[in-house]
Structure formats: C-alpha cells, structure tokens
Amino acid sequence: MPESGQKTTQGHITERAPESIGTTTARRTGLLVTLVLGGLTALPPLSMDMYLPALPEVTGALNAPAATVQLTLTACLAGMALGQLVVGPMSDKWGRRRPLLIGMIVYVLATAVCALAPTAEMLIGFRLLQGLAGAAGIVIARAVVRDLYDGVEMARFFSTLMLISGVAPIIAPLIGGQILRITDWRGVFYVLTVIGILLTLVVWRFLAETLPPERRHEGGVGQALRTMKGLLADRVFAGYMLTGGLAFAALFAYISASPFVVQEIYGASPQTFSLLFGLNSIGLVAVGQINGKLLVGRVSLDKALGWGLGTILVSSLALLLMTSGVFGEVGLVPIAAGLFVLMSAMGLAMPNTNAQALMRTPHAAGSASALLGTTSFLVGAVASPLVGIAGEHTAVPMAVVQLTCAVLALTCFLGLCRPWQTATAAASATGS
C-alpha cells in the first residue's frame, strides 16, 4: 500500500512527493483502480445473474428441457475456468493491459451473438466463448491486486472488491426481472453487450499497467506449465485453492438451482426471485465488509475462514433436512433463510482463501490467480448440472451438492492447509 505522501502513477509507487500533492494523487488513483477492478470482478455475476430470471422462459422459447438450458450456465462457467488458464500466464509474460483489452473485446462480440442465438445449442456454444473471454477480467483483476498489495492489506482490498462487485448480484436479477417485463430473454444479452462495451472503454482509459517489464516472465507455454506445476506442488497453496473452489461450487449450486427452486417449486414470480436473490447478495457483501473492516488484523485469516466454512456446512445441512421432508412440508421462508445464511458465509470464505493463497505466490500472481479461478469455475461447472439431476420439482439435489461441497472444503482446509501449524509458527515467531 502506498504510504501517506507517496505518489502513485501508472499503478506504480514512485518517489515520495510533498504531502499536499502526493496524498491526493494516491487516493485519486487508488479509487480509480478500485472502481475499475470492481467492475471487472462484477462482470461475471452480471453475466450469470442477470440471466437467471429468464431461465424458465428460455426453456420454452428454444423448446429445450431445463437440464439443457442449465448447460448455458455450465458452458459460461467452464469457459471462465479454461480461459483463466490461458490469460493468467499471458498476463505474467505480456503485462496486464493487453490480454485484458483483447478479452473484453471478444466478450462483447460473443455476448451480442448470444442475443441472436436461434437454438439452445448455439446459445451454449457462444456462452462458452463469452466465458472464455470474460475470464480475462477475473484473473487479471486478482493479479493486479497482488501486484499492488500484500498481507493484511490485500485481504482488506479483496473485501472492498467484494463490496463493489457484490452490488452486481444484488441488482443483476432485479434488472433481469425488469427487462423481462418489457422484452424477452434476448434483451438481457443486449444489455450485457452494452455493459461490456462501457467497461472495455473504462479499462482502456483508466487502468494502467501494474506489472513492469522487469517482473515479467520471458518463458513460453513450457515455462507457464512449470510455474503452475510448482504452485500445485505447494501443499498449502493447493489446499487453499481446493477449499475456495469447493466453497464456490456450493455457491454456484445455489445460483444454478435457485431459479427453479424458488419459481417452479415454491411458485414465486421472477420479481420475487430477484428480490430474494438480492437480499442474499446483500448478506454476502455485509459479511465481506465485516471481514475486511473488523476481523482482518484482529482475527487470523484462517480463523475467519474456518468460521465461514463451518457456517456453510451447518446451513447446507439444514437445507437438506428441510428439502427432504424431515421437518414436514416447509414453505419458501425457511428455505430462503437457509440460503441467506449460506450465501452470507461466503463473505468469510471467498476473500480469505484468495488472500491466503496469493500471499504465497508473489512471483507468479497471474498463474496463481488462474489456478484459483479455474479450480473454482471447473468445480462449479460440475456442480451445476447435478442440481437438476432429479428434475425441476425437488430441491434435494441442490442441498446434497451444497453439503457435499461444504464437507470436502472443510476437509481440504484442515487436511492440506493445516491452520493450526500456521498459528503455532506465528506464536513462536512472536515469542522469539
């Protein structure tokens, strides 16, 4: 983080400037970078969540079963996963700006074609391309944070990004629901196209290069693969990577299943679904801010992460008991409450897994960010079709997937990250 009185230019910290000039410049530049990175991290939830209220309509419009239409979510998610494996190492070699701008342009074109897709198969194909291109924003935003911040400040910045990007899942279904009042599902993709154009222009104008030439990797594909192999060989990094990926899969099981659970099973309107989705997103953002403003620096990141994973486990177990009829027939309110708790706990799990993993990888932030994102999206892509495996009239598969992911995430955290060893080492260092 720039100290008071330092001047930040083009994303880099230069010599100390006079207090009256340097502090103002640093704050202004820092705010711009925060807003741009927030927009980039908000693009994936916009692409996914604005489209959610339209899923039941798409099944009828394209004459496709619900499981096929859910593959449009899976394809986008898989594209975002695979794209990060390419863009992450590219950004370590060529810098952050060039790969990001290319990805944003392709995203805009793919999204425009999605709006014109005449069949479900074509929509699935271009959602895959949309995800591949949109991956640039996700992976490079994390890498830029690693370029500029470290330690506790990085964890705080991830929580700040969660506040900004968290606005997207709050307003996206609401916008999607309102779009469906005046047009059909294709209008959602037209709006996303316009958003993509505007964000591309903002990136081109305001996001400076944050990776100087002397810190870039000169190797090609072979070097990138060796770097990733070394990262995967790091047990603790791999543990945080898997923990975050499995937690994200529990979240994506909710994202994929909730339109059908809330609207088809419990009879809510698209507008009611959008409202409930927004409330859940508010819970995630609020807990993320509690993490960044109150917990970070006072409570270890591992302890906060453990609290989040434990809460996800308990809430997913409660959802399974309710949806399977153990408590009799329950209405929408108890299910919505369980989903709210699960979503809110993500505000502890997501920023802390990213921060802990990236703190171990200052030498290859792009590749590390790619592995983190790819794992999350691939596991989420696997979870997505499983939630609909028993049809559109039961929420049990959603709860089973969420509980399974929660158990596995906690197992990876305890078995691979071994947080008690970190705590013991920190206590020993303090004592010495």
Protein backbone atom coordinates (compact mmCIF):
# COMPACT_ATOMS: atom_id res chain seq x y z
CA MET A 1 0.00 0.00 0.00
CA PRO A 2 1.31 3.50 -0.74
CA GLU A 3 2.33 5.35 2.40
CA SER A 4 0.95 8.79 3.09
CA GLY A 5 2.75 11.27 0.91
CA GLN A 6 3.73 8.82 -1.83
CA LYS A 7 2.68 9.47 -5.39
CA THR A 8 1.11 6.65 -7.42
CA THR A 9 1.43 6.86 -11.19
CA GLN A 10 0.51 4.23 -13.78
CA GLY A 11 -0.15 1.77 -10.93
CA HIS A 12 3.40 2.05 -9.54
CA ILE A 13 4.73 3.80 -6.43
CA THR A 14 7.43 6.35 -7.23
CA GLU A 15 9.50 8.67 -5.07
CA ARG A 16 7.93 10.40 -2.08
CA ALA A 17 6.10 13.56 -3.11
CA PRO A 18 5.06 16.52 -0.98
CA GLU A 19 2.21 15.63 1.37
CA SER A 20 -0.33 18.00 -0.15
CA ILE A 21 0.17 16.67 -3.69
CA GLY A 22 1.19 13.03 -3.21
CA THR A 23 -1.60 12.00 -0.85
CA THR A 24 -4.30 13.46 -3.10
CA THR A 25 -2.87 11.78 -6.20
CA ALA A 26 -2.50 8.42 -4.47
CA ARG A 27 -6.06 8.49 -3.17
CA ARG A 28 -7.48 9.51 -6.55
CA THR A 29 -5.52 6.84 -8.42
CA GLY A 30 -6.35 4.23 -5.80
CA LEU A 31 -10.06 4.98 -6.08
CA LEU A 32 -9.96 4.69 -9.88
CA VAL A 33 -8.14 1.35 -9.73
CA THR A 34 -10.59 0.09 -7.12
CA LEU A 35 -13.59 1.04 -9.26
CA VAL A 36 -12.11 -0.49 -12.42
CA LEU A 37 -11.17 -3.75 -10.68
CA GLY A 38 -14.58 -3.80 -9.04
CA GLY A 39 -16.19 -3.52 -12.47
CA LEU A 40 -14.09 -6.38 -13.81
CA THR A 41 -14.96 -8.65 -10.90
CA ALA A 42 -18.62 -7.62 -11.20
CA LEU A 43 -18.83 -8.72 -14.84
CA PRO A 44 -19.10 -12.49 -14.14
CA PRO A 45 -22.03 -12.14 -11.69
CA LEU A 46 -23.66 -9.75 -14.14
CA SER A 47 -23.26 -12.29 -16.95
CA MET A 48 -24.65 -15.09 -14.81
CA ASP A 49 -27.22 -13.47 -12.52
CA MET A 50 -28.96 -11.06 -14.87
CA TYR A 51 -29.84 -14.09 -16.98
CA LEU A 52 -31.20 -16.20 -14.12
CA PRO A 53 -34.82 -14.94 -14.03
CA ALA A 54 -35.07 -15.74 -17.75
CA LEU A 55 -34.06 -19.42 -17.46
CA PRO A 56 -37.64 -20.79 -17.30
CA GLU A 57 -38.58 -18.59 -20.27
CA VAL A 58 -35.61 -19.80 -22.33
CA THR A 59 -36.73 -23.42 -21.93
CA GLY A 60 -39.99 -22.56 -23.69
CA ALA A 61 -38.60 -20.11 -26.24
CA LEU A 62 -35.93 -22.51 -27.51
CA ASN A 63 -38.02 -25.65 -26.93
CA ALA A 64 -35.33 -27.20 -24.76
CA PRO A 65 -35.52 -29.08 -21.42
CA ALA A 66 -34.41 -27.42 -18.21
CA ALA A 67 -31.25 -29.56 -17.99
CA THR A 68 -30.15 -28.36 -21.43
CA VAL A 69 -30.81 -24.72 -20.60
CA GLN A 70 -28.82 -25.08 -17.38
CA LEU A 71 -25.90 -26.06 -19.60
CA THR A 72 -25.83 -22.44 -20.80
CA LEU A 73 -24.72 -21.60 -17.26
CA THR A 74 -22.29 -24.52 -17.20
CA ALA A 75 -20.78 -23.52 -20.55
CA CYS A 76 -20.20 -19.95 -19.43
CA LEU A 77 -18.67 -21.14 -16.18
CA ALA A 78 -16.44 -23.70 -17.91
CA GLY A 79 -15.29 -21.02 -20.35
CA MET A 80 -14.35 -18.73 -17.50
CA ALA A 81 -12.40 -21.58 -15.92
CA LEU A 82 -10.43 -22.59 -19.02
CA GLY A 83 -9.87 -19.03 -20.16
CA GLN A 84 -8.10 -18.18 -16.94
CA LEU A 85 -5.50 -20.91 -17.56
CA VAL A 86 -4.57 -19.11 -20.77
CA VAL A 87 -4.93 -15.47 -19.77
CA GLY A 88 -3.22 -15.76 -16.38
CA PRO A 89 0.20 -16.87 -17.71
CA MET A 90 -0.19 -14.47 -20.66
CA SER A 91 -0.53 -11.58 -18.22
CA ASP A 92 2.63 -12.69 -16.41
CA LYS A 93 4.50 -12.57 -19.73
CA TRP A 94 2.98 -9.56 -21.56
CA GLY A 95 1.61 -7.47 -18.73
CA ARG A 96 -1.95 -6.98 -17.58
CA ARG A 97 -3.43 -4.46 -20.03
CA ARG A 98 -3.04 -6.12 -23.44
CA PRO A 99 -4.60 -9.53 -22.62
CA LEU A 100 -7.37 -7.78 -20.68
CA LEU A 101 -8.40 -5.50 -23.54
CA ILE A 102 -8.37 -8.36 -26.08
CA GLY A 103 -10.52 -10.46 -23.77
CA MET A 104 -13.03 -7.66 -23.23
CA ILE A 105 -13.47 -7.08 -26.98
CA VAL A 106 -14.12 -10.79 -27.62
CA TYR A 107 -16.55 -10.83 -24.66
CA VAL A 108 -18.61 -8.03 -26.23
CA LEU A 109 -18.81 -9.82 -29.59
CA ALA A 110 -19.75 -13.18 -28.08
CA THR A 111 -22.45 -11.63 -25.89
CA ALA A 112 -24.00 -9.89 -28.90
CA VAL A 113 -24.20 -13.22 -30.74
CA CYS A 114 -25.84 -14.85 -27.67
CA ALA A 115 -28.69 -12.36 -28.05
CA LEU A 116 -29.31 -13.66 -31.59
CA ALA A 117 -28.93 -17.41 -30.93
CA PRO A 118 -31.79 -19.36 -32.58
CA THR A 119 -31.14 -22.66 -30.78
CA ALA A 120 -30.10 -23.82 -27.34
CA GLU A 121 -27.00 -25.47 -28.82
CA MET A 122 -25.82 -22.21 -30.38
CA LEU A 123 -26.53 -20.34 -27.17
CA ILE A 124 -24.46 -22.90 -25.24
CA GLY A 125 -21.57 -22.52 -27.70
CA PHE A 126 -21.41 -18.74 -27.53
CA ARG A 127 -21.91 -18.73 -23.77
CA LEU A 128 -18.75 -20.85 -23.70
CA LEU A 129 -16.93 -18.23 -25.80
CA GLN A 130 -18.38 -15.47 -23.62
CA GLY A 131 -16.93 -17.20 -20.57
CA LEU A 132 -13.55 -17.78 -22.21
CA ALA A 133 -13.23 -14.07 -23.00
CA GLY A 134 -14.73 -12.85 -19.73
CA ALA A 135 -12.09 -14.85 -17.85
CA ALA A 136 -9.60 -12.09 -18.63
CA GLY A 137 -11.32 -9.68 -16.28
CA ILE A 138 -11.50 -12.16 -13.41
CA VAL A 139 -7.94 -13.43 -13.47
CA ILE A 140 -6.25 -10.11 -14.22
CA ALA A 141 -8.19 -8.24 -11.55
CA ARG A 142 -6.83 -10.64 -8.91
CA ALA A 143 -3.33 -10.40 -10.36
CA VAL A 144 -3.44 -6.59 -10.27
CA VAL A 145 -4.42 -6.74 -6.59
CA ARG A 146 -1.40 -8.97 -5.96
CA ASP A 147 0.81 -6.54 -7.90
CA LEU A 148 -0.22 -3.62 -5.70
CA TYR A 149 -0.93 -5.10 -2.24
CA ASP A 150 0.36 -7.67 0.22
CA GLY A 151 -0.58 -9.31 3.52
CA VAL A 152 -3.45 -7.87 5.54
CA GLU A 153 -3.90 -5.00 3.08
CA MET A 154 -4.52 -7.49 0.29
CA ALA A 155 -7.20 -9.25 2.35
CA ARG A 156 -8.82 -5.89 3.06
CA PHE A 157 -8.75 -4.97 -0.63
CA PHE A 158 -10.40 -8.25 -1.60
CA SER A 159 -13.18 -7.44 0.88
CA THR A 160 -13.51 -3.98 -0.69
CA LEU A 161 -13.77 -5.57 -4.12
CA MET A 162 -16.49 -7.81 -2.72
CA LEU A 163 -18.44 -4.70 -1.71
CA ILE A 164 -18.20 -3.26 -5.23
CA SER A 165 -18.71 -6.48 -7.16
CA GLY A 166 -21.37 -7.52 -4.66
CA VAL A 167 -23.63 -4.79 -5.99
CA ALA A 168 -23.79 -6.76 -9.26
CA PRO A 169 -25.58 -9.88 -7.94
CA ILE A 170 -27.89 -7.61 -5.94
CA ILE A 171 -29.04 -5.56 -8.90
CA ALA A 172 -28.50 -8.05 -11.75
CA PRO A 173 -31.57 -10.27 -11.11
CA LEU A 174 -33.62 -7.15 -10.40
CA ILE A 175 -32.54 -5.68 -13.72
CA GLY A 176 -33.14 -9.01 -15.42
CA GLY A 177 -36.63 -9.25 -13.93
CA GLN A 178 -37.47 -5.75 -15.11
CA ILE A 179 -36.07 -6.41 -18.59
CA LEU A 180 -38.41 -9.39 -18.84
CA ARG A 181 -41.34 -7.05 -18.20
CA ILE A 182 -40.67 -5.13 -21.42
CA THR A 183 -38.93 -7.66 -23.65
CA ASP A 184 -37.87 -11.31 -23.78
CA TRP A 185 -34.71 -13.07 -22.62
CA ARG A 186 -32.71 -11.80 -25.59
CA GLY A 187 -32.94 -8.29 -24.18
CA VAL A 188 -30.82 -9.43 -21.23
CA PHE A 189 -27.91 -10.15 -23.58
CA TYR A 190 -28.35 -6.84 -25.39
CA VAL A 191 -27.98 -5.07 -22.05
CA LEU A 192 -24.90 -7.17 -21.20
CA THR A 193 -23.39 -6.20 -24.56
CA VAL A 194 -23.75 -2.51 -23.75
CA ILE A 195 -22.25 -3.05 -20.28
CA GLY A 196 -19.30 -4.88 -21.84
CA ILE A 197 -18.65 -2.02 -24.27
CA LEU A 198 -18.71 0.56 -21.49
CA LEU A 199 -16.39 -1.48 -19.25
CA THR A 200 -13.95 -2.01 -22.12
CA LEU A 201 -13.74 1.75 -22.65
CA VAL A 202 -13.21 2.32 -18.91
CA VAL A 203 -10.40 -0.24 -18.78
CA TRP A 204 -8.72 1.30 -21.84
CA ARG A 205 -8.93 4.78 -20.36
CA PHE A 206 -8.22 4.29 -16.65
CA LEU A 207 -6.41 1.00 -15.89
CA ALA A 208 -2.65 1.49 -16.17
CA GLU A 209 -0.12 -1.33 -16.44
CA THR A 210 0.79 -2.71 -12.99
CA LEU A 211 3.40 -5.32 -13.97
CA PRO A 212 6.67 -3.64 -15.04
CA PRO A 213 8.80 -5.34 -17.74
CA GLU A 214 11.50 -6.38 -15.27
CA ARG A 215 8.99 -8.50 -13.33
CA ARG A 216 7.55 -10.31 -16.34
CA HIS A 217 8.28 -13.92 -17.27
CA GLU A 218 10.06 -14.46 -20.57
CA GLY A 219 9.22 -18.13 -20.98
CA GLY A 220 6.54 -19.58 -23.23
CA VAL A 221 3.96 -22.26 -22.65
CA GLY A 222 6.53 -24.63 -21.16
CA GLN A 223 7.59 -22.09 -18.55
CA ALA A 224 3.95 -21.37 -17.69
CA LEU A 225 3.25 -25.07 -17.19
CA ARG A 226 6.33 -25.46 -14.99
CA THR A 227 5.25 -22.49 -12.90
CA MET A 228 1.78 -23.96 -12.42
CA LYS A 229 3.26 -27.36 -11.58
CA GLY A 230 5.37 -25.73 -8.89
CA LEU A 231 2.32 -23.95 -7.47
CA LEU A 232 0.31 -27.17 -7.37
CA ALA A 233 3.19 -28.91 -5.60
CA ASP A 234 2.83 -26.40 -2.76
CA ARG A 235 0.54 -28.29 -0.36
CA VAL A 236 -0.75 -25.19 1.41
CA PHE A 237 -1.45 -23.28 -1.81
CA ALA A 238 -3.24 -26.33 -3.22
CA GLY A 239 -5.25 -26.58 -0.01
CA TYR A 240 -6.50 -23.01 -0.21
CA MET A 241 -7.17 -23.44 -3.93
CA LEU A 242 -9.34 -26.53 -3.38
CA THR A 243 -11.05 -25.03 -0.33
CA GLY A 244 -12.04 -21.93 -2.26
CA GLY A 245 -13.11 -23.94 -5.30
CA LEU A 246 -15.38 -26.24 -3.32
CA ALA A 247 -16.92 -23.33 -1.41
CA PHE A 248 -17.60 -21.63 -4.74
CA ALA A 249 -19.23 -24.84 -6.00
CA ALA A 250 -21.68 -24.71 -3.08
CA LEU A 251 -22.44 -21.12 -4.06
CA PHE A 252 -22.89 -21.99 -7.72
CA ALA A 253 -25.20 -24.88 -6.86
CA TYR A 254 -27.46 -22.22 -5.36
CA ILE A 255 -27.06 -19.92 -8.38
CA SER A 256 -27.91 -22.69 -10.83
CA ALA A 257 -30.81 -24.24 -8.92
CA SER A 258 -32.47 -21.27 -7.25
CA PRO A 259 -34.46 -20.01 -10.27
CA PHE A 260 -36.25 -23.36 -10.48
CA VAL A 261 -36.44 -23.94 -6.71
CA VAL A 262 -37.91 -20.52 -5.95
CA GLN A 263 -40.09 -20.09 -9.04
CA GLU A 264 -41.11 -23.60 -10.09
CA ILE A 265 -41.27 -25.42 -6.74
CA TYR A 266 -42.41 -22.58 -4.47
CA GLY A 267 -44.35 -20.60 -7.09
CA ALA A 268 -42.61 -17.24 -6.71
CA SER A 269 -42.62 -14.70 -9.54
CA PRO A 270 -39.41 -13.64 -11.35
CA GLN A 271 -39.57 -10.36 -9.44
CA THR A 272 -39.85 -12.15 -6.06
CA PHE A 273 -36.96 -14.40 -7.01
CA SER A 274 -34.91 -11.33 -7.96
CA LEU A 275 -35.70 -9.71 -4.60
CA LEU A 276 -34.68 -12.80 -2.62
CA PHE A 277 -31.51 -13.17 -4.68
CA GLY A 278 -30.67 -9.55 -4.00
CA LEU A 279 -31.19 -9.98 -0.25
CA ASN A 280 -28.86 -12.97 -0.23
CA SER A 281 -26.24 -10.94 -2.07
CA ILE A 282 -26.59 -8.15 0.49
CA GLY A 283 -25.80 -10.73 3.19
CA LEU A 284 -22.67 -11.82 1.33
CA VAL A 285 -21.50 -8.22 0.88
CA ALA A 286 -22.25 -7.28 4.50
CA VAL A 287 -20.29 -10.21 5.92
CA GLY A 288 -17.47 -9.48 3.48
CA GLN A 289 -17.27 -5.95 4.87
CA ILE A 290 -17.32 -7.24 8.44
CA ASN A 291 -14.42 -9.45 7.44
CA GLY A 292 -12.43 -6.61 5.86
CA LYS A 293 -13.21 -3.79 8.30
CA LEU A 294 -13.49 -5.61 11.64
CA LEU A 295 -11.93 -9.07 11.52
CA VAL A 296 -8.83 -8.65 9.32
CA GLY A 297 -5.97 -7.54 11.54
CA ARG A 298 -7.77 -8.65 14.71
CA VAL A 299 -8.55 -12.28 13.89
CA SER A 300 -6.31 -14.53 11.81
CA LEU A 301 -7.44 -15.09 8.23
CA ASP A 302 -7.52 -18.85 8.85
CA LYS A 303 -9.82 -18.46 11.85
CA ALA A 304 -12.24 -16.26 9.90
CA LEU A 305 -12.11 -18.74 7.03
CA GLY A 306 -12.87 -21.60 9.41
CA TRP A 307 -15.91 -19.77 10.77
CA GLY A 308 -17.17 -19.26 7.24
CA LEU A 309 -16.72 -22.89 6.25
CA GLY A 310 -18.41 -24.11 9.42
CA THR A 311 -21.41 -21.87 8.79
CA ILE A 312 -21.69 -23.09 5.20
CA LEU A 313 -21.66 -26.68 6.46
CA VAL A 314 -24.39 -26.10 9.05
CA SER A 315 -26.65 -24.14 6.71
CA SER A 316 -26.34 -26.70 3.90
CA LEU A 317 -27.19 -29.50 6.35
CA ALA A 318 -30.27 -27.56 7.48
CA LEU A 319 -31.32 -27.08 3.85
CA LEU A 320 -31.02 -30.82 3.19
CA LEU A 321 -33.14 -31.66 6.22
CA MET A 322 -35.82 -29.15 5.18
CA THR A 323 -35.95 -30.07 1.50
CA SER A 324 -36.02 -33.83 2.19
CA GLY A 325 -39.10 -33.50 4.43
CA VAL A 326 -37.53 -34.29 7.81
CA PHE A 327 -39.36 -31.27 9.29
CA GLY A 328 -42.50 -31.87 7.27
CA GLU A 329 -43.59 -29.63 4.44
CA VAL A 330 -41.82 -26.28 4.70
CA GLY A 331 -42.57 -23.12 2.81
CA LEU A 332 -40.40 -20.65 0.97
CA VAL A 333 -39.43 -18.58 4.02
CA PRO A 334 -37.38 -21.27 5.87
CA ILE A 335 -35.65 -22.28 2.63
CA ALA A 336 -34.87 -18.64 1.84
CA ALA A 337 -33.47 -18.18 5.36
CA GLY A 338 -31.14 -21.17 4.97
CA LEU A 339 -29.93 -19.90 1.60
CA PHE A 340 -29.37 -16.44 3.09
CA VAL A 341 -27.09 -17.84 5.81
CA LEU A 342 -25.17 -19.96 3.30
CA MET A 343 -24.66 -17.02 0.93
CA SER A 344 -23.63 -14.68 3.76
CA ALA A 345 -20.95 -17.09 4.97
CA MET A 346 -19.31 -16.84 1.56
CA GLY A 347 -18.25 -13.34 2.66
CA LEU A 348 -15.78 -15.02 5.04
CA ALA A 349 -14.71 -17.89 2.79
CA MET A 350 -14.05 -16.25 -0.56
CA PRO A 351 -11.79 -13.25 0.21
CA ASN A 352 -9.73 -15.12 2.80
CA THR A 353 -8.96 -18.13 0.59
CA ASN A 354 -7.83 -15.79 -2.22
CA ALA A 355 -5.67 -13.70 0.11
CA GLN A 356 -4.02 -16.68 1.82
CA ALA A 357 -3.24 -18.39 -1.49
CA LEU A 358 -1.92 -15.30 -3.28
CA MET A 359 0.27 -14.26 -0.35
CA ARG A 360 2.34 -17.39 -1.08
CA THR A 361 2.83 -16.53 -4.77
CA PRO A 362 4.25 -13.01 -5.32
CA HIS A 363 6.48 -14.39 -8.09
CA ALA A 364 3.63 -15.65 -10.30
CA ALA A 365 0.46 -13.79 -9.44
CA GLY A 366 -1.14 -14.30 -12.86
CA SER A 367 -0.58 -18.06 -12.92
CA ALA A 368 -1.69 -18.43 -9.29
CA SER A 369 -4.80 -16.35 -9.96
CA ALA A 370 -5.53 -18.53 -12.99
CA LEU A 371 -5.31 -21.73 -10.94
CA LEU A 372 -7.55 -20.29 -8.22
CA GLY A 373 -10.17 -19.16 -10.70
CA THR A 374 -10.01 -22.25 -12.89
CA THR A 375 -10.49 -24.58 -9.95
CA SER A 376 -13.48 -22.60 -8.70
CA PHE A 377 -15.20 -22.44 -12.05
CA LEU A 378 -14.50 -26.04 -13.07
CA VAL A 379 -15.83 -27.43 -9.80
CA GLY A 380 -18.80 -25.07 -10.11
CA ALA A 381 -19.39 -26.26 -13.68
CA VAL A 382 -19.53 -29.85 -12.43
CA ALA A 383 -21.93 -28.91 -9.64
CA SER A 384 -24.32 -27.03 -11.93
CA PRO A 385 -25.95 -29.93 -13.83
CA LEU A 386 -26.05 -32.13 -10.71
CA VAL A 387 -28.58 -29.85 -9.01
CA GLY A 388 -31.15 -30.69 -11.70
CA ILE A 389 -30.45 -34.40 -11.91
CA ALA A 390 -33.78 -35.33 -10.26
CA GLY A 391 -35.87 -32.92 -12.32
CA GLU A 392 -37.38 -29.50 -11.72
CA HIS A 393 -39.69 -30.39 -8.83
CA THR A 394 -37.33 -31.15 -5.95
CA ALA A 395 -34.66 -29.09 -4.20
CA VAL A 396 -32.96 -32.10 -2.57
CA PRO A 397 -30.17 -32.40 -5.18
CA MET A 398 -29.22 -28.75 -4.60
CA ALA A 399 -28.90 -29.32 -0.87
CA VAL A 400 -26.96 -32.58 -1.35
CA VAL A 401 -24.45 -30.89 -3.66
CA GLN A 402 -24.05 -27.98 -1.24
CA LEU A 403 -23.49 -30.23 1.76
CA THR A 404 -21.02 -32.43 -0.12
CA CYS A 405 -19.02 -29.39 -1.24
CA ALA A 406 -19.03 -27.95 2.28
CA VAL A 407 -17.72 -31.18 3.80
CA LEU A 408 -14.99 -31.50 1.17
CA ALA A 409 -13.99 -27.83 1.52
CA LEU A 410 -13.59 -28.15 5.28
CA THR A 411 -11.64 -31.39 4.81
CA CYS A 412 -9.20 -29.73 2.39
CA PHE A 413 -8.77 -26.75 4.69
CA LEU A 414 -7.95 -28.91 7.71
CA GLY A 415 -6.04 -31.64 5.88
CA LEU A 416 -3.92 -29.55 3.49
CA CYS A 417 -3.73 -26.01 4.88
CA ARG A 418 -3.36 -27.23 8.49
CA PRO A 419 -4.12 -23.82 10.01
CA TRP A 420 -3.00 -24.84 13.50
CA GLN A 421 0.57 -25.17 12.19
CA THR A 422 0.46 -21.61 10.86
CA ALA A 423 -0.88 -20.36 14.18
CA THR A 424 1.86 -22.21 16.08
CA ALA A 425 4.56 -20.80 13.81
CA ALA A 426 3.18 -17.27 14.21
CA ALA A 427 3.09 -17.65 18.01
CA SER A 428 6.68 -18.93 18.04
CA ALA A 429 7.83 -16.01 15.89
CA THR A 430 6.10 -13.55 18.23
CA GLY A 431 7.65 -15.17 21.26
CA SER A 432 11.11 -15.03 19.77
